[in-house]
């Protein structure tokens, strides 16, 4: 089953860029998922298990860090072409 997820990470520190960049690099290290970014979010597309594993494992270091982060995750049960309209 194909799935997509849209993630937005908000580190609650003034120097917020690096934790986001590190998170995106970790997401990109997983095979089986397509990762696209824009100014507001990161989108993943692939098989459901691969998408959820990438999110879980890439997010683990961020959650274990001393920096407080808020992460908003939306999961869709369709594949998306980043930047294109979702047709259902």
C-alpha atoms as a PDB file:
ATOM      1  CA  UNK A   1       0.000   0.000   0.000  1.00  0.00           C
ATOM      2  CA  UNK A   2       1.390   3.375  -1.044  1.00  0.00           C
ATOM      3  CA  UNK A   3       1.369   6.209   1.479  1.00  0.00           C
ATOM      4  CA  UNK A   4       2.626   9.751   1.768  1.00  0.00           C
ATOM      5  CA  UNK A   5       3.448  11.925   4.733  1.00  0.00           C
ATOM      6  CA  UNK A   6       3.991  15.641   5.126  1.00  0.00           C
ATOM      7  CA  UNK A   7       6.160  16.725   8.044  1.00  0.00           C
ATOM      8  CA  UNK A   8       6.928  20.114   9.531  1.00  0.00           C
ATOM      9  CA  UNK A   9       9.489  20.373  12.324  1.00  0.00           C
ATOM     10  CA  UNK A  10       9.682  23.343  14.666  1.00  0.00           C
ATOM     11  CA  UNK A  11      12.728  23.332  16.986  1.00  0.00           C
ATOM     12  CA  UNK A  12      11.979  25.689  19.850  1.00  0.00           C
ATOM     13  CA  UNK A  13      15.320  27.497  19.721  1.00  0.00           C
ATOM     14  CA  UNK A  14      16.546  30.610  17.913  1.00  0.00           C
ATOM     15  CA  UNK A  15      19.094  28.616  15.851  1.00  0.00           C
ATOM     16  CA  UNK A  16      16.428  26.279  14.462  1.00  0.00           C
ATOM     17  CA  UNK A  17      17.881  25.553  10.999  1.00  0.00           C
ATOM     18  CA  UNK A  18      20.451  22.869  11.845  1.00  0.00           C
ATOM     19  CA  UNK A  19      18.099  20.439  13.639  1.00  0.00           C
ATOM     20  CA  UNK A  20      15.760  20.606  10.624  1.00  0.00           C
ATOM     21  CA  UNK A  21      18.595  20.059   8.135  1.00  0.00           C
ATOM     22  CA  UNK A  22      19.896  17.103  10.156  1.00  0.00           C
ATOM     23  CA  UNK A  23      16.401  15.573  10.236  1.00  0.00           C
ATOM     24  CA  UNK A  24      15.985  15.931   6.467  1.00  0.00           C
ATOM     25  CA  UNK A  25      19.402  14.329   5.856  1.00  0.00           C
ATOM     26  CA  UNK A  26      18.386  11.373   8.022  1.00  0.00           C
ATOM     27  CA  UNK A  27      15.111  11.006   6.083  1.00  0.00           C
ATOM     28  CA  UNK A  28      17.014  10.986   2.792  1.00  0.00           C
ATOM     29  CA  UNK A  29      19.220   8.118   3.975  1.00  0.00           C
ATOM     30  CA  UNK A  30      16.325   5.628   3.764  1.00  0.00           C
ATOM     31  CA  UNK A  31      15.799   3.603   0.626  1.00  0.00           C
ATOM     32  CA  UNK A  32      12.283   3.004  -0.595  1.00  0.00           C
ATOM     33  CA  UNK A  33      11.023   6.520   0.113  1.00  0.00           C
ATOM     34  CA  UNK A  34      11.036   9.625  -2.041  1.00  0.00           C
ATOM     35  CA  UNK A  35      11.794  12.790  -0.069  1.00  0.00           C
ATOM     36  CA  UNK A  36      10.985  16.302  -1.307  1.00  0.00           C
ATOM     37  CA  UNK A  37      11.267  19.566   0.590  1.00  0.00           C
ATOM     38  CA  UNK A  38       9.890  23.057   0.292  1.00  0.00           C
ATOM     39  CA  UNK A  39       9.956  26.121   2.529  1.00  0.00           C
ATOM     40  CA  UNK A  40       7.212  24.805   4.801  1.00  0.00           C
ATOM     41  CA  UNK A  41       7.465  21.035   4.932  1.00  0.00           C
ATOM     42  CA  UNK A  42       9.041  17.785   3.844  1.00  0.00           C
ATOM     43  CA  UNK A  43       7.066  15.176   1.915  1.00  0.00           C
ATOM     44  CA  UNK A  44       7.747  11.438   1.861  1.00  0.00           C
ATOM     45  CA  UNK A  45       6.187   8.947  -0.509  1.00  0.00           C
ATOM     46  CA  UNK A  46       6.611   5.185  -0.703  1.00  0.00           C
ATOM     47  CA  UNK A  47       5.235   1.979   0.683  1.00  0.00           C
ATOM     48  CA  UNK A  48       3.483   2.586   4.008  1.00  0.00           C
ATOM     49  CA  UNK A  49       5.929   0.563   6.119  1.00  0.00           C
ATOM     50  CA  UNK A  50       8.949   2.265   4.530  1.00  0.00           C
ATOM     51  CA  UNK A  51       7.474   5.745   5.066  1.00  0.00           C
ATOM     52  CA  UNK A  52       6.613   5.052   8.702  1.00  0.00           C
ATOM     53  CA  UNK A  53      10.001   3.435   9.404  1.00  0.00           C
ATOM     54  CA  UNK A  54      11.823   6.428   7.901  1.00  0.00           C
ATOM     55  CA  UNK A  55       9.793   8.836  10.041  1.00  0.00           C
ATOM     56  CA  UNK A  56      10.295   6.798  13.222  1.00  0.00           C
ATOM     57  CA  UNK A  57      14.026   6.272  12.831  1.00  0.00           C
ATOM     58  CA  UNK A  58      14.856   9.745  11.482  1.00  0.00           C
ATOM     59  CA  UNK A  59      12.870  11.404  14.239  1.00  0.00           C
ATOM     60  CA  UNK A  60      14.418   9.358  17.082  1.00  0.00           C
ATOM     61  CA  UNK A  61      17.622  11.484  17.424  1.00  0.00           C
ATOM     62  CA  UNK A  62      15.581  14.695  17.369  1.00  0.00           C
ATOM     63  CA  UNK A  63      13.362  13.407  20.163  1.00  0.00           C
ATOM     64  CA  UNK A  64      16.360  12.268  22.199  1.00  0.00           C
ATOM     65  CA  UNK A  65      18.167  15.624  21.857  1.00  0.00           C
ATOM     66  CA  UNK A  66      18.080  18.331  24.498  1.00  0.00           C
ATOM     67  CA  UNK A  67      16.356  20.743  22.101  1.00  0.00           C
ATOM     68  CA  UNK A  68      12.574  20.738  22.372  1.00  0.00           C
ATOM     69  CA  UNK A  69      10.921  20.176  19.000  1.00  0.00           C
ATOM     70  CA  UNK A  70       7.358  20.186  17.791  1.00  0.00           C
ATOM     71  CA  UNK A  71       6.617  18.011  14.755  1.00  0.00           C
ATOM     72  CA  UNK A  72       3.408  18.097  12.740  1.00  0.00           C
ATOM     73  CA  UNK A  73       2.801  14.968  10.646  1.00  0.00           C
ATOM     74  CA  UNK A  74       0.029  14.392   8.129  1.00  0.00           C
ATOM     75  CA  UNK A  75      -0.306  10.912   6.620  1.00  0.00           C
ATOM     76  CA  UNK A  76      -2.211  10.165   3.407  1.00  0.00           C
ATOM     77  CA  UNK A  77      -3.194   6.767   2.069  1.00  0.00           C
ATOM     78  CA  UNK A  78      -2.184   7.727  -1.484  1.00  0.00           C
ATOM     79  CA  UNK A  79       1.105   8.451  -3.174  1.00  0.00           C
ATOM     80  CA  UNK A  80       1.746  12.087  -3.986  1.00  0.00           C
ATOM     81  CA  UNK A  81       3.860  13.802  -6.578  1.00  0.00           C
ATOM     82  CA  UNK A  82       5.329  16.677  -4.515  1.00  0.00           C
ATOM     83  CA  UNK A  83       4.020  19.988  -5.751  1.00  0.00           C
ATOM     84  CA  UNK A  84       1.157  18.426  -7.694  1.00  0.00           C
ATOM     85  CA  UNK A  85      -2.508  18.324  -6.721  1.00  0.00           C
ATOM     86  CA  UNK A  86      -3.634  15.148  -4.975  1.00  0.00           C
ATOM     87  CA  UNK A  87      -6.254  13.401  -7.065  1.00  0.00           C
ATOM     88  CA  UNK A  88      -8.448  10.890  -5.245  1.00  0.00           C
END
